[in-house]
Amino acid sequence: MADNDHANSQADKFRAIARELECDEDEAAFEDKVRKVAKPGKPSEPQVDEN
């Protein structure tokens, strides 16, 4: 049970810091920002196992 309490306290600390930094929790806003910084890669060809 102590591990679960530790994980919850770590998650709470993370959330508190994110709020302090005014992070946006909106998933659509996150996706929009990711699109601005990451370029989609070309689809890779399927791997063929020759065994």
PDB file of N, CA and C in Angstrom:
ATOM      1  N   MET A   1       0.822  -1.186   0.000  1.00  0.00           N
ATOM      2  CA  MET A   1       0.000   0.000   0.000  1.00  0.00           C
ATOM      3  C   MET A   1       0.873   1.260   0.000  1.00  0.00           C
ATOM      4  N   ALA A   2       2.049   1.174   0.571  1.00  0.00           N
ATOM      5  CA  ALA A   2       2.939   2.330   0.630  1.00  0.00           C
ATOM      6  C   ALA A   2       3.366   2.760  -0.770  1.00  0.00           C
ATOM      7  N   ASP A   3       3.579   1.786  -1.669  1.00  0.00           N
ATOM      8  CA  ASP A   3       3.970   2.124  -3.033  1.00  0.00           C
ATOM      9  C   ASP A   3       2.868   2.918  -3.726  1.00  0.00           C
ATOM     10  N   ASN A   4       1.618   2.539  -3.499  1.00  0.00           N
ATOM     11  CA  ASN A   4       0.493   3.243  -4.106  1.00  0.00           C
ATOM     12  C   ASN A   4       0.401   4.669  -3.564  1.00  0.00           C
ATOM     13  N   ASP A   5       0.626   4.839  -2.252  1.00  0.00           N
ATOM     14  CA  ASP A   5       0.615   6.175  -1.658  1.00  0.00           C
ATOM     15  C   ASP A   5       1.725   7.031  -2.248  1.00  0.00           C
ATOM     16  N   HIS A   6       2.886   6.423  -2.438  1.00  0.00           N
ATOM     17  CA  HIS A   6       4.029   7.138  -3.022  1.00  0.00           C
ATOM     18  C   HIS A   6       3.709   7.563  -4.457  1.00  0.00           C
ATOM     19  N   ALA A   7       3.127   6.653  -5.233  1.00  0.00           N
ATOM     20  CA  ALA A   7       2.785   6.967  -6.625  1.00  0.00           C
ATOM     21  C   ALA A   7       1.748   8.080  -6.670  1.00  0.00           C
ATOM     22  N   ASN A   8       0.764   8.033  -5.792  1.00  0.00           N
ATOM     23  CA  ASN A   8      -0.249   9.083  -5.768  1.00  0.00           C
ATOM     24  C   ASN A   8       0.364  10.419  -5.375  1.00  0.00           C
ATOM     25  N   SER A   9       1.264  10.420  -4.419  1.00  0.00           N
ATOM     26  CA  SER A   9       1.868  11.684  -4.015  1.00  0.00           C
ATOM     27  C   SER A   9       2.744  12.240  -5.136  1.00  0.00           C
ATOM     28  N   GLN A  10       3.427  11.365  -5.870  1.00  0.00           N
ATOM     29  CA  GLN A  10       4.230  11.822  -7.006  1.00  0.00           C
ATOM     30  C   GLN A  10       3.329  12.407  -8.087  1.00  0.00           C
ATOM     31  N   ALA A  11       2.212  11.743  -8.357  1.00  0.00           N
ATOM     32  CA  ALA A  11       1.274  12.245  -9.358  1.00  0.00           C
ATOM     33  C   ALA A  11       0.694  13.586  -8.913  1.00  0.00           C
ATOM     34  N   ASP A  12       0.389  13.704  -7.646  1.00  0.00           N
ATOM     35  CA  ASP A  12      -0.141  14.972  -7.129  1.00  0.00           C
ATOM     36  C   ASP A  12       0.888  16.083  -7.264  1.00  0.00           C
ATOM     37  N   LYS A  13       2.142  15.768  -6.985  1.00  0.00           N
ATOM     38  CA  LYS A  13       3.216  16.769  -7.128  1.00  0.00           C
ATOM     39  C   LYS A  13       3.343  17.201  -8.584  1.00  0.00           C
ATOM     40  N   PHE A  14       3.283  16.230  -9.495  1.00  0.00           N
ATOM     41  CA  PHE A  14       3.371  16.537 -10.922  1.00  0.00           C
ATOM     42  C   PHE A  14       2.231  17.458 -11.345  1.00  0.00           C
ATOM     43  N   ARG A  15       1.012  17.128 -10.922  1.00  0.00           N
ATOM     44  CA  ARG A  15      -0.151  17.951 -11.281  1.00  0.00           C
ATOM     45  C   ARG A  15      -0.020  19.364 -10.717  1.00  0.00           C
ATOM     46  N   ALA A  16       0.455  19.480  -9.481  1.00  0.00           N
ATOM     47  CA  ALA A  16       0.604  20.797  -8.857  1.00  0.00           C
ATOM     48  C   ALA A  16       1.621  21.643  -9.627  1.00  0.00           C
ATOM     49  N   ILE A  17       2.728  21.043 -10.018  1.00  0.00           N
ATOM     50  CA  ILE A  17       3.753  21.777 -10.766  1.00  0.00           C
ATOM     51  C   ILE A  17       3.232  22.155 -12.141  1.00  0.00           C
ATOM     52  N   ALA A  18       2.493  21.240 -12.782  1.00  0.00           N
ATOM     53  CA  ALA A  18       1.925  21.538 -14.097  1.00  0.00           C
ATOM     54  C   ALA A  18       0.966  22.716 -14.005  1.00  0.00           C
ATOM     55  N   ARG A  19       0.157  22.752 -12.961  1.00  0.00           N
ATOM     56  CA  ARG A  19      -0.761  23.896 -12.786  1.00  0.00           C
ATOM     57  C   ARG A  19       0.014  25.181 -12.539  1.00  0.00           C
ATOM     58  N   GLU A  20       1.065  25.072 -11.731  1.00  0.00           N
ATOM     59  CA  GLU A  20       1.892  26.245 -11.431  1.00  0.00           C
ATOM     60  C   GLU A  20       2.511  26.818 -12.704  1.00  0.00           C
ATOM     61  N   LEU A  21       2.876  25.934 -13.628  1.00  0.00           N
ATOM     62  CA  LEU A  21       3.478  26.359 -14.888  1.00  0.00           C
ATOM     63  C   LEU A  21       2.427  26.704 -15.941  1.00  0.00           C
ATOM     64  N   GLU A  22       1.162  26.644 -15.534  1.00  0.00           N
ATOM     65  CA  GLU A  22       0.028  26.967 -16.393  1.00  0.00           C
ATOM     66  C   GLU A  22      -0.020  26.074 -17.628  1.00  0.00           C
ATOM     67  N   CYS A  23       0.231  24.784 -17.420  1.00  0.00           N
ATOM     68  CA  CYS A  23       0.134  23.821 -18.514  1.00  0.00           C
ATOM     69  C   CYS A  23      -1.326  23.629 -18.883  1.00  0.00           C
ATOM     70  N   ASP A  24      -1.567  23.353 -20.140  1.00  0.00           N
ATOM     71  CA  ASP A  24      -2.924  23.159 -20.646  1.00  0.00           C
ATOM     72  C   ASP A  24      -3.263  21.674 -20.605  1.00  0.00           C
ATOM     73  N   GLU A  25      -4.390  21.319 -20.001  1.00  0.00           N
ATOM     74  CA  GLU A  25      -4.793  19.921 -19.896  1.00  0.00           C
ATOM     75  C   GLU A  25      -5.708  19.490 -21.038  1.00  0.00           C
ATOM     76  N   ASP A  26      -5.986  20.370 -21.974  1.00  0.00           N
ATOM     77  CA  ASP A  26      -6.891  20.065 -23.079  1.00  0.00           C
ATOM     78  C   ASP A  26      -6.173  19.181 -24.106  1.00  0.00           C
ATOM     79  N   GLU A  27      -6.739  18.021 -24.399  1.00  0.00           N
ATOM     80  CA  GLU A  27      -6.101  17.086 -25.323  1.00  0.00           C
ATOM     81  C   GLU A  27      -6.001  17.668 -26.733  1.00  0.00           C
ATOM     82  N   ALA A  28      -7.006  18.406 -27.172  1.00  0.00           N
ATOM     83  CA  ALA A  28      -6.980  18.998 -28.512  1.00  0.00           C
ATOM     84  C   ALA A  28      -5.854  20.028 -28.618  1.00  0.00           C
ATOM     85  N   ALA A  29      -5.660  20.809 -27.574  1.00  0.00           N
ATOM     86  CA  ALA A  29      -4.577  21.794 -27.573  1.00  0.00           C
ATOM     87  C   ALA A  29      -3.219  21.087 -27.629  1.00  0.00           C
ATOM     88  N   PHE A  30      -3.108  19.973 -26.915  1.00  0.00           N
ATOM     89  CA  PHE A  30      -1.869  19.198 -26.941  1.00  0.00           C
ATOM     90  C   PHE A  30      -1.581  18.684 -28.347  1.00  0.00           C
ATOM     91  N   GLU A  31      -2.587  18.097 -28.983  1.00  0.00           N
ATOM     92  CA  GLU A  31      -2.414  17.572 -30.340  1.00  0.00           C
ATOM     93  C   GLU A  31      -2.019  18.678 -31.311  1.00  0.00           C
ATOM     94  N   ASP A  32      -2.616  19.844 -31.165  1.00  0.00           N
ATOM     95  CA  ASP A  32      -2.293  20.981 -32.033  1.00  0.00           C
ATOM     96  C   ASP A  32      -0.833  21.385 -31.865  1.00  0.00           C
ATOM     97  N   LYS A  33      -0.369  21.428 -30.625  1.00  0.00           N
ATOM     98  CA  LYS A  33       1.020  21.817 -30.370  1.00  0.00           C
ATOM     99  C   LYS A  33       1.994  20.760 -30.885  1.00  0.00           C
ATOM    100  N   VAL A  34       1.626  19.490 -30.759  1.00  0.00           N
ATOM    101  CA  VAL A  34       2.496  18.425 -31.259  1.00  0.00           C
ATOM    102  C   VAL A  34       2.630  18.541 -32.771  1.00  0.00           C
ATOM    103  N   ARG A  35       1.527  18.824 -33.449  1.00  0.00           N
ATOM    104  CA  ARG A  35       1.582  18.964 -34.911  1.00  0.00           C
ATOM    105  C   ARG A  35       2.506  20.106 -35.328  1.00  0.00           C
ATOM    106  N   LYS A  36       2.609  21.127 -34.501  1.00  0.00           N
ATOM    107  CA  LYS A  36       3.465  22.264 -34.837  1.00  0.00           C
ATOM    108  C   LYS A  36       4.949  21.919 -34.730  1.00  0.00           C
ATOM    109  N   VAL A  37       5.311  21.004 -33.836  1.00  0.00           N
ATOM    110  CA  VAL A  37       6.722  20.715 -33.619  1.00  0.00           C
ATOM    111  C   VAL A  37       7.179  19.390 -34.212  1.00  0.00           C
ATOM    112  N   ALA A  38       6.240  18.494 -34.536  1.00  0.00           N
ATOM    113  CA  ALA A  38       6.619  17.178 -35.053  1.00  0.00           C
ATOM    114  C   ALA A  38       6.051  16.988 -36.444  1.00  0.00           C
ATOM    115  N   LYS A  39       6.893  16.485 -37.316  1.00  0.00           N
ATOM    116  CA  LYS A  39       6.444  16.200 -38.673  1.00  0.00           C
ATOM    117  C   LYS A  39       6.092  14.721 -38.757  1.00  0.00           C
ATOM    118  N   PRO A  40       4.979  14.407 -39.390  1.00  0.00           N
ATOM    119  CA  PRO A  40       4.627  12.991 -39.514  1.00  0.00           C
ATOM    120  C   PRO A  40       5.643  12.271 -40.399  1.00  0.00           C
ATOM    121  N   GLY A  41       5.999  11.077 -40.003  1.00  0.00           N
ATOM    122  CA  GLY A  41       6.946  10.285 -40.783  1.00  0.00           C
ATOM    123  C   GLY A  41       6.237   9.548 -41.903  1.00  0.00           C
ATOM    124  N   LYS A  42       7.017   9.103 -42.848  1.00  0.00           N
ATOM    125  CA  LYS A  42       6.449   8.300 -43.918  1.00  0.00           C
ATOM    126  C   LYS A  42       6.099   6.928 -43.362  1.00  0.00           C
ATOM    127  N   PRO A  43       5.008   6.354 -43.817  1.00  0.00           N
ATOM    128  CA  PRO A  43       4.686   5.003 -43.349  1.00  0.00           C
ATOM    129  C   PRO A  43       5.776   4.030 -43.739  1.00  0.00           C
ATOM    130  N   SER A  44       6.191   3.224 -42.797  1.00  0.00           N
ATOM    131  CA  SER A  44       7.257   2.271 -43.103  1.00  0.00           C
ATOM    132  C   SER A  44       6.657   1.044 -43.766  1.00  0.00           C
ATOM    133  N   GLU A  45       7.483   0.390 -44.534  1.00  0.00           N
ATOM    134  CA  GLU A  45       7.035  -0.822 -45.194  1.00  0.00           C
ATOM    135  C   GLU A  45       6.982  -1.944 -44.156  1.00  0.00           C
ATOM    136  N   PRO A  46       6.032  -2.829 -44.306  1.00  0.00           N
ATOM    137  CA  PRO A  46       5.919  -3.925 -43.322  1.00  0.00           C
ATOM    138  C   PRO A  46       7.179  -4.772 -43.294  1.00  0.00           C
ATOM    139  N   GLN A  47       7.546  -5.181 -42.109  1.00  0.00           N
ATOM    140  CA  GLN A  47       8.709  -6.028 -41.927  1.00  0.00           C
ATOM    141  C   GLN A  47       8.334  -7.451 -42.319  1.00  0.00           C
ATOM    142  N   VAL A  48       9.191  -8.113 -43.086  1.00  0.00           N
ATOM    143  CA  VAL A  48       8.949  -9.481 -43.495  1.00  0.00           C
ATOM    144  C   VAL A  48       9.935 -10.358 -42.757  1.00  0.00           C
ATOM    145  N   ASP A  49       9.387 -11.330 -42.022  1.00  0.00           N
ATOM    146  CA  ASP A  49      10.240 -12.264 -41.293  1.00  0.00           C
ATOM    147  C   ASP A  49      10.580 -13.422 -42.220  1.00  0.00           C
ATOM    148  N   GLU A  50      11.863 -13.587 -42.533  1.00  0.00           N
ATOM    149  CA  GLU A  50      12.285 -14.590 -43.506  1.00  0.00           C
ATOM    150  C   GLU A  50      12.647 -15.910 -42.848  1.00  0.00           C
ATOM    151  N   ASN A  51      12.265 -16.144 -41.632  1.00  0.00           N
ATOM    152  CA  ASN A  51      12.574 -17.414 -40.957  1.00  0.00           C
ATOM    153  C   ASN A  51      11.589 -18.468 -41.287  1.00  0.00           C
TER     154      ASN A  51
END
